[in-house]
Amino acid sequence: MDAPIEFDTSHVRLGDRPLIVCDVDDVVLHFFAPFLLFLDGEGHEFLPRSFRLTGNIVSKVSGAVLEEKEVHRLIDAFFEAQELWQTPLDRVIDTLGSFSKDADIVFLTAMPPQFSVQRRRLLDRLGLAYPLLASLQPKGPIVQALHGKRTLPVAFVDDMAHNLHSVRDHLASCLLINLRPDSIVHRMAPAVAVDIPQANDWAEAAPLIHAHIAR
């Protein structure tokens, strides 16, 4: 289980209704596909040899593997320019808009907090004006702090196993959904526990969430 952390969620006001917490990258906004295009524009490419960026991004000119410091610089540069690159997943805007009539929605993005202003602008421009939390800390304690001791239904949607497992460890009543696009990176990603439902897109995820929050 993740160690207890301190994370301020007091600015998120929840109503007396179900809660849906969504990851953002590759759940609400495309990440890996535009990031690979971004890398190409910077003169680099990703070689799908393992599920990690460091060690698999190389120079297109020399073939040299980029060092970790340079990989982090590129990720930061992409997040700085995310408004030019990232687009919403199919049906996510309408699906979340429909759910927002009966449930509170909160975005929990694993991103350096210093880029949350750019992400907030992008989400707002797309009509996704739901509260946003940006943190690189484990997600389980954050979702637990959000939901508190409420007995209302709660759902969590993410594309990464470690985030889903973290939330499961802290909030056993939470519906977990592994929504992940069919990308070269996600095909190499660690698998989620067999009891966690998987969805390829929002068309598959929506009925699972609806059945849970309608209880």
C-alpha atoms as a PDB file:
ATOM      1  CA  MET A   1       0.000   0.000   0.000  1.00  0.00           C
ATOM      2  CA  ASP A   2       1.223   3.503  -0.803  1.00  0.00           C
ATOM      3  CA  ALA A   3       2.567   5.462   2.142  1.00  0.00           C
ATOM      4  CA  PRO A   4       0.289   8.179   3.553  1.00  0.00           C
ATOM      5  CA  ILE A   5       0.797  11.541   1.856  1.00  0.00           C
ATOM      6  CA  GLU A   6      -0.276  15.099   2.376  1.00  0.00           C
ATOM      7  CA  PHE A   7      -2.229  16.490  -0.569  1.00  0.00           C
ATOM      8  CA  ASP A   8      -4.656  19.390  -0.431  1.00  0.00           C
ATOM      9  CA  THR A   9      -8.023  18.599  -1.996  1.00  0.00           C
ATOM     10  CA  SER A  10      -9.967  21.189   0.006  1.00  0.00           C
ATOM     11  CA  HIS A  11     -10.583  23.403  -3.037  1.00  0.00           C
ATOM     12  CA  VAL A  12     -12.617  20.631  -4.711  1.00  0.00           C
ATOM     13  CA  ARG A  13     -16.254  20.923  -3.607  1.00  0.00           C
ATOM     14  CA  LEU A  14     -18.306  17.765  -4.024  1.00  0.00           C
ATOM     15  CA  GLY A  15     -22.072  17.598  -3.918  1.00  0.00           C
ATOM     16  CA  ASP A  16     -24.248  14.933  -2.370  1.00  0.00           C
ATOM     17  CA  ARG A  17     -23.947  12.661  -5.392  1.00  0.00           C
ATOM     18  CA  PRO A  18     -21.612  10.047  -6.918  1.00  0.00           C
ATOM     19  CA  LEU A  19     -17.998  10.863  -7.804  1.00  0.00           C
ATOM     20  CA  ILE A  20     -16.107  10.004 -10.987  1.00  0.00           C
ATOM     21  CA  VAL A  21     -12.333  10.551 -10.914  1.00  0.00           C
ATOM     22  CA  CYS A  22     -10.564  10.438 -14.278  1.00  0.00           C
ATOM     23  CA  ASP A  23      -6.946  10.401 -15.282  1.00  0.00           C
ATOM     24  CA  VAL A  24      -6.269  12.790 -18.171  1.00  0.00           C
ATOM     25  CA  ASP A  25      -3.410  11.612 -20.395  1.00  0.00           C
ATOM     26  CA  ASP A  26      -4.636   8.887 -22.765  1.00  0.00           C
ATOM     27  CA  VAL A  27      -7.947   8.777 -20.880  1.00  0.00           C
ATOM     28  CA  VAL A  28      -9.367  12.231 -21.617  1.00  0.00           C
ATOM     29  CA  LEU A  29      -6.643  13.700 -23.848  1.00  0.00           C
ATOM     30  CA  HIS A  30      -4.423  11.816 -26.276  1.00  0.00           C
ATOM     31  CA  PHE A  31      -0.851  11.750 -24.970  1.00  0.00           C
ATOM     32  CA  PHE A  32       1.465   9.142 -26.500  1.00  0.00           C
ATOM     33  CA  ALA A  33       0.407   9.608 -30.117  1.00  0.00           C
ATOM     34  CA  PRO A  34       0.971  13.402 -30.129  1.00  0.00           C
ATOM     35  CA  PHE A  35       4.082  13.015 -27.967  1.00  0.00           C
ATOM     36  CA  LEU A  36       5.625  10.744 -30.603  1.00  0.00           C
ATOM     37  CA  LEU A  37       4.875  13.398 -33.241  1.00  0.00           C
ATOM     38  CA  PHE A  38       6.425  15.998 -30.955  1.00  0.00           C
ATOM     39  CA  LEU A  39       9.564  13.859 -30.608  1.00  0.00           C
ATOM     40  CA  ASP A  40       9.793  13.546 -34.378  1.00  0.00           C
ATOM     41  CA  GLY A  41       9.713  17.316 -34.707  1.00  0.00           C
ATOM     42  CA  GLU A  42      12.561  17.538 -32.195  1.00  0.00           C
ATOM     43  CA  GLY A  43      14.687  15.123 -34.248  1.00  0.00           C
ATOM     44  CA  HIS A  44      14.095  12.043 -32.085  1.00  0.00           C
ATOM     45  CA  GLU A  45      12.105   8.829 -32.217  1.00  0.00           C
ATOM     46  CA  PHE A  46      10.753   6.292 -29.756  1.00  0.00           C
ATOM     47  CA  LEU A  47      11.845   2.677 -30.217  1.00  0.00           C
ATOM     48  CA  PRO A  48       9.227   0.305 -28.730  1.00  0.00           C
ATOM     49  CA  ARG A  49      11.645  -1.973 -26.895  1.00  0.00           C
ATOM     50  CA  SER A  50      10.180  -1.772 -23.402  1.00  0.00           C
ATOM     51  CA  PHE A  51       7.594   0.093 -21.366  1.00  0.00           C
ATOM     52  CA  ARG A  52       9.619   3.165 -20.513  1.00  0.00           C
ATOM     53  CA  LEU A  53      10.670   6.357 -22.214  1.00  0.00           C
ATOM     54  CA  THR A  54      14.177   6.644 -20.804  1.00  0.00           C
ATOM     55  CA  GLY A  55      16.439   4.345 -22.797  1.00  0.00           C
ATOM     56  CA  ASN A  56      14.049   4.088 -25.735  1.00  0.00           C
ATOM     57  CA  ILE A  57      14.158   7.617 -27.175  1.00  0.00           C
ATOM     58  CA  VAL A  58      16.992   8.019 -29.679  1.00  0.00           C
ATOM     59  CA  SER A  59      18.367  10.689 -31.971  1.00  0.00           C
ATOM     60  CA  LYS A  60      17.249  10.192 -35.582  1.00  0.00           C
ATOM     61  CA  VAL A  61      20.610  11.550 -36.755  1.00  0.00           C
ATOM     62  CA  SER A  62      23.093   9.633 -34.608  1.00  0.00           C
ATOM     63  CA  GLY A  63      20.986   6.816 -33.190  1.00  0.00           C
ATOM     64  CA  ALA A  64      22.287   7.734 -29.738  1.00  0.00           C
ATOM     65  CA  VAL A  65      20.039   7.017 -26.769  1.00  0.00           C
ATOM     66  CA  LEU A  66      18.949  10.171 -24.979  1.00  0.00           C
ATOM     67  CA  GLU A  67      19.968  10.480 -21.347  1.00  0.00           C
ATOM     68  CA  GLU A  68      17.307  10.649 -18.652  1.00  0.00           C
ATOM     69  CA  LYS A  69      17.820  14.370 -18.106  1.00  0.00           C
ATOM     70  CA  GLU A  70      17.102  15.079 -21.786  1.00  0.00           C
ATOM     71  CA  VAL A  71      14.047  12.809 -21.777  1.00  0.00           C
ATOM     72  CA  HIS A  72      12.610  14.740 -18.833  1.00  0.00           C
ATOM     73  CA  ARG A  73      13.369  18.016 -20.627  1.00  0.00           C
ATOM     74  CA  LEU A  74      11.403  16.812 -23.657  1.00  0.00           C
ATOM     75  CA  ILE A  75       8.442  15.713 -21.525  1.00  0.00           C
ATOM     76  CA  ASP A  76       8.408  19.095 -19.800  1.00  0.00           C
ATOM     77  CA  ALA A  77       8.615  20.866 -23.173  1.00  0.00           C
ATOM     78  CA  PHE A  78       5.676  18.805 -24.434  1.00  0.00           C
ATOM     79  CA  PHE A  79       3.572  19.654 -21.389  1.00  0.00           C
ATOM     80  CA  GLU A  80       4.530  23.316 -21.824  1.00  0.00           C
ATOM     81  CA  ALA A  81       3.170  23.167 -25.383  1.00  0.00           C
ATOM     82  CA  GLN A  82       0.351  20.663 -24.730  1.00  0.00           C
ATOM     83  CA  GLU A  83      -2.337  23.068 -25.945  1.00  0.00           C
ATOM     84  CA  LEU A  84      -0.877  22.764 -29.463  1.00  0.00           C
ATOM     85  CA  TRP A  85      -0.684  18.972 -29.439  1.00  0.00           C
ATOM     86  CA  GLN A  86      -3.259  17.213 -27.289  1.00  0.00           C
ATOM     87  CA  THR A  87      -6.793  16.454 -28.470  1.00  0.00           C
ATOM     88  CA  PRO A  88      -9.723  14.744 -26.708  1.00  0.00           C
ATOM     89  CA  LEU A  89     -10.476  11.046 -27.017  1.00  0.00           C
ATOM     90  CA  ASP A  90     -13.534  10.067 -29.010  1.00  0.00           C
ATOM     91  CA  ARG A  91     -16.840  10.590 -27.167  1.00  0.00           C
ATOM     92  CA  VAL A  92     -15.197  11.761 -23.942  1.00  0.00           C
ATOM     93  CA  ILE A  93     -16.688  15.266 -24.024  1.00  0.00           C
ATOM     94  CA  ASP A  94     -20.261  14.106 -24.539  1.00  0.00           C
ATOM     95  CA  THR A  95     -19.894  11.143 -22.169  1.00  0.00           C
ATOM     96  CA  LEU A  96     -18.582  13.197 -19.264  1.00  0.00           C
ATOM     97  CA  GLY A  97     -21.119  15.914 -20.000  1.00  0.00           C
ATOM     98  CA  SER A  98     -23.895  13.353 -19.639  1.00  0.00           C
ATOM     99  CA  PHE A  99     -22.450  11.964 -16.406  1.00  0.00           C
ATOM    100  CA  SER A 100     -22.043  15.459 -14.952  1.00  0.00           C
ATOM    101  CA  LYS A 101     -25.837  15.749 -14.692  1.00  0.00           C
ATOM    102  CA  ASP A 102     -25.870  13.081 -11.967  1.00  0.00           C
ATOM    103  CA  ALA A 103     -22.297  12.912 -10.637  1.00  0.00           C
ATOM    104  CA  ASP A 104     -19.333  15.089  -9.730  1.00  0.00           C
ATOM    105  CA  ILE A 105     -16.317  14.695 -12.006  1.00  0.00           C
ATOM    106  CA  VAL A 106     -12.729  15.396 -10.993  1.00  0.00           C
ATOM    107  CA  PHE A 107      -9.633  15.115 -13.172  1.00  0.00           C
ATOM    108  CA  LEU A 108      -6.563  13.644 -11.448  1.00  0.00           C
ATOM    109  CA  THR A 109      -3.576  13.952 -13.763  1.00  0.00           C
ATOM    110  CA  ALA A 110      -0.100  12.519 -13.192  1.00  0.00           C
ATOM    111  CA  MET A 111       1.724  15.596 -14.406  1.00  0.00           C
ATOM    112  CA  PRO A 112       4.164  18.080 -12.889  1.00  0.00           C
ATOM    113  CA  PRO A 113       1.907  20.666 -11.194  1.00  0.00           C
ATOM    114  CA  GLN A 114       3.730  23.579 -12.844  1.00  0.00           C
ATOM    115  CA  PHE A 115       1.986  22.741 -16.130  1.00  0.00           C
ATOM    116  CA  SER A 116      -1.523  22.672 -14.671  1.00  0.00           C
ATOM    117  CA  VAL A 117      -2.280  26.194 -15.956  1.00  0.00           C
ATOM    118  CA  GLN A 118      -1.783  25.070 -19.567  1.00  0.00           C
ATOM    119  CA  ARG A 119      -3.848  21.949 -18.957  1.00  0.00           C
ATOM    120  CA  ARG A 120      -6.614  23.957 -17.317  1.00  0.00           C
ATOM    121  CA  ARG A 121      -6.822  26.256 -20.347  1.00  0.00           C
ATOM    122  CA  LEU A 122      -6.920  23.316 -22.754  1.00  0.00           C
ATOM    123  CA  LEU A 123      -9.606  21.458 -20.837  1.00  0.00           C
ATOM    124  CA  ASP A 124     -11.710  24.595 -20.472  1.00  0.00           C
ATOM    125  CA  ARG A 125     -11.420  25.322 -24.195  1.00  0.00           C
ATOM    126  CA  LEU A 126     -12.743  21.836 -24.912  1.00  0.00           C
ATOM    127  CA  GLY A 127     -15.697  22.289 -22.569  1.00  0.00           C
ATOM    128  CA  LEU A 128     -14.208  20.002 -19.924  1.00  0.00           C
ATOM    129  CA  ALA A 129     -14.399  22.484 -17.059  1.00  0.00           C
ATOM    130  CA  TYR A 130     -14.263  19.948 -14.238  1.00  0.00           C
ATOM    131  CA  PRO A 131     -11.941  20.374 -11.216  1.00  0.00           C
ATOM    132  CA  LEU A 132      -8.324  19.447 -11.932  1.00  0.00           C
ATOM    133  CA  LEU A 133      -5.712  18.012  -9.585  1.00  0.00           C
ATOM    134  CA  ALA A 134      -2.144  17.663 -10.884  1.00  0.00           C
ATOM    135  CA  SER A 135       0.301  15.561  -8.898  1.00  0.00           C
ATOM    136  CA  LEU A 136       3.090  13.007  -9.311  1.00  0.00           C
ATOM    137  CA  GLN A 137       2.194  11.422  -5.972  1.00  0.00           C
ATOM    138  CA  PRO A 138       0.389   8.055  -5.713  1.00  0.00           C
ATOM    139  CA  LYS A 139      -3.249   8.365  -6.720  1.00  0.00           C
ATOM    140  CA  GLY A 140      -4.780   6.055  -4.118  1.00  0.00           C
ATOM    141  CA  PRO A 141      -4.398   8.392  -1.143  1.00  0.00           C
ATOM    142  CA  ILE A 142      -5.574  11.350  -3.233  1.00  0.00           C
ATOM    143  CA  VAL A 143      -8.790   9.630  -4.329  1.00  0.00           C
ATOM    144  CA  GLN A 144      -9.316   8.445  -0.765  1.00  0.00           C
ATOM    145  CA  ALA A 145      -8.909  12.014   0.521  1.00  0.00           C
ATOM    146  CA  LEU A 146     -11.355  13.288  -2.109  1.00  0.00           C
ATOM    147  CA  HIS A 147     -14.058  10.744  -1.331  1.00  0.00           C
ATOM    148  CA  GLY A 148     -13.522  10.779   2.411  1.00  0.00           C
ATOM    149  CA  LYS A 149     -16.061   8.801   4.444  1.00  0.00           C
ATOM    150  CA  ARG A 150     -18.918   9.282   1.993  1.00  0.00           C
ATOM    151  CA  THR A 151     -21.036   6.217   1.212  1.00  0.00           C
ATOM    152  CA  LEU A 152     -21.959   7.381  -2.291  1.00  0.00           C
ATOM    153  CA  PRO A 153     -20.692   5.477  -5.360  1.00  0.00           C
ATOM    154  CA  VAL A 154     -17.229   6.380  -6.634  1.00  0.00           C
ATOM    155  CA  ALA A 155     -15.483   5.366  -9.872  1.00  0.00           C
ATOM    156  CA  PHE A 156     -11.890   5.796 -11.030  1.00  0.00           C
ATOM    157  CA  VAL A 157     -10.732   5.607 -14.661  1.00  0.00           C
ATOM    158  CA  ASP A 158      -7.061   5.322 -15.595  1.00  0.00           C
ATOM    159  CA  ASP A 159      -4.839   3.757 -18.240  1.00  0.00           C
ATOM    160  CA  MET A 160      -2.058   2.574 -15.926  1.00  0.00           C
ATOM    161  CA  ALA A 161      -2.082  -0.481 -13.675  1.00  0.00           C
ATOM    162  CA  HIS A 162      -0.109   1.056 -10.812  1.00  0.00           C
ATOM    163  CA  ASN A 163      -2.606   3.906 -10.452  1.00  0.00           C
ATOM    164  CA  LEU A 164      -5.594   1.554 -10.467  1.00  0.00           C
ATOM    165  CA  HIS A 165      -3.951  -0.754  -7.944  1.00  0.00           C
ATOM    166  CA  SER A 166      -3.090   2.227  -5.731  1.00  0.00           C
ATOM    167  CA  VAL A 167      -6.717   3.369  -5.662  1.00  0.00           C
ATOM    168  CA  ARG A 168      -7.932  -0.176  -5.002  1.00  0.00           C
ATOM    169  CA  ASP A 169      -5.607  -0.406  -1.996  1.00  0.00           C
ATOM    170  CA  HIS A 170      -7.101   2.736  -0.477  1.00  0.00           C
ATOM    171  CA  LEU A 171     -10.745   2.630  -1.509  1.00  0.00           C
ATOM    172  CA  ALA A 172     -12.095  -0.898  -1.805  1.00  0.00           C
ATOM    173  CA  SER A 173     -15.606   0.260  -2.762  1.00  0.00           C
ATOM    174  CA  CYS A 174     -14.392   2.168  -5.817  1.00  0.00           C
ATOM    175  CA  LEU A 175     -15.246   0.955  -9.303  1.00  0.00           C
ATOM    176  CA  LEU A 176     -11.979   0.737 -11.238  1.00  0.00           C
ATOM    177  CA  ILE A 177     -11.822   0.885 -15.018  1.00  0.00           C
ATOM    178  CA  ASN A 178      -8.683   0.377 -17.065  1.00  0.00           C
ATOM    179  CA  LEU A 179      -9.275   2.521 -20.137  1.00  0.00           C
ATOM    180  CA  ARG A 180      -6.283   2.349 -22.441  1.00  0.00           C
ATOM    181  CA  PRO A 181      -5.846   3.121 -26.122  1.00  0.00           C
ATOM    182  CA  ASP A 182      -4.369   0.606 -28.525  1.00  0.00           C
ATOM    183  CA  SER A 183      -0.888   2.133 -28.778  1.00  0.00           C
ATOM    184  CA  ILE A 184       2.576   0.619 -29.066  1.00  0.00           C
ATOM    185  CA  VAL A 185       3.332   1.861 -25.564  1.00  0.00           C
ATOM    186  CA  HIS A 186       0.167   0.544 -23.926  1.00  0.00           C
ATOM    187  CA  ARG A 187       0.679  -2.885 -25.486  1.00  0.00           C
ATOM    188  CA  MET A 188       3.860  -3.168 -23.423  1.00  0.00           C
ATOM    189  CA  ALA A 189       2.347  -1.756 -20.230  1.00  0.00           C
ATOM    190  CA  PRO A 190       2.035  -3.928 -17.108  1.00  0.00           C
ATOM    191  CA  ALA A 191      -1.316  -5.695 -16.940  1.00  0.00           C
ATOM    192  CA  VAL A 192      -3.951  -4.763 -14.395  1.00  0.00           C
ATOM    193  CA  ALA A 193      -5.326  -7.269 -11.913  1.00  0.00           C
ATOM    194  CA  VAL A 194      -7.738  -9.687 -13.569  1.00  0.00           C
ATOM    195  CA  ASP A 195     -10.711  -8.397 -11.567  1.00  0.00           C
ATOM    196  CA  ILE A 196     -10.376  -4.826 -12.897  1.00  0.00           C
ATOM    197  CA  PRO A 197     -12.645  -4.215 -15.922  1.00  0.00           C
ATOM    198  CA  GLN A 198     -10.927  -3.067 -19.098  1.00  0.00           C
ATOM    199  CA  ALA A 199     -12.317  -0.760 -21.756  1.00  0.00           C
ATOM    200  CA  ASN A 200     -10.850   0.187 -25.118  1.00  0.00           C
ATOM    201  CA  ASP A 201     -12.726   3.474 -25.296  1.00  0.00           C
ATOM    202  CA  TRP A 202     -15.426   5.573 -23.662  1.00  0.00           C
ATOM    203  CA  ALA A 203     -18.179   3.716 -25.496  1.00  0.00           C
ATOM    204  CA  GLU A 204     -17.179   0.614 -23.490  1.00  0.00           C
ATOM    205  CA  ALA A 205     -16.408   2.438 -20.234  1.00  0.00           C
ATOM    206  CA  ALA A 206     -19.635   4.466 -20.030  1.00  0.00           C
ATOM    207  CA  PRO A 207     -22.086   1.586 -19.385  1.00  0.00           C
ATOM    208  CA  LEU A 208     -19.854   0.256 -16.584  1.00  0.00           C
ATOM    209  CA  ILE A 209     -19.774   3.640 -14.869  1.00  0.00           C
ATOM    210  CA  HIS A 210     -23.492   4.225 -15.381  1.00  0.00           C
ATOM    211  CA  ALA A 211     -24.416   0.886 -13.813  1.00  0.00           C
ATOM    212  CA  HIS A 212     -22.212   1.636 -10.799  1.00  0.00           C
ATOM    213  CA  ILE A 213     -23.330   5.199 -10.042  1.00  0.00           C
ATOM    214  CA  ALA A 214     -26.997   4.366 -10.674  1.00  0.00           C
ATOM    215  CA  ARG A 215     -27.084   1.957  -7.738  1.00  0.00           C
END
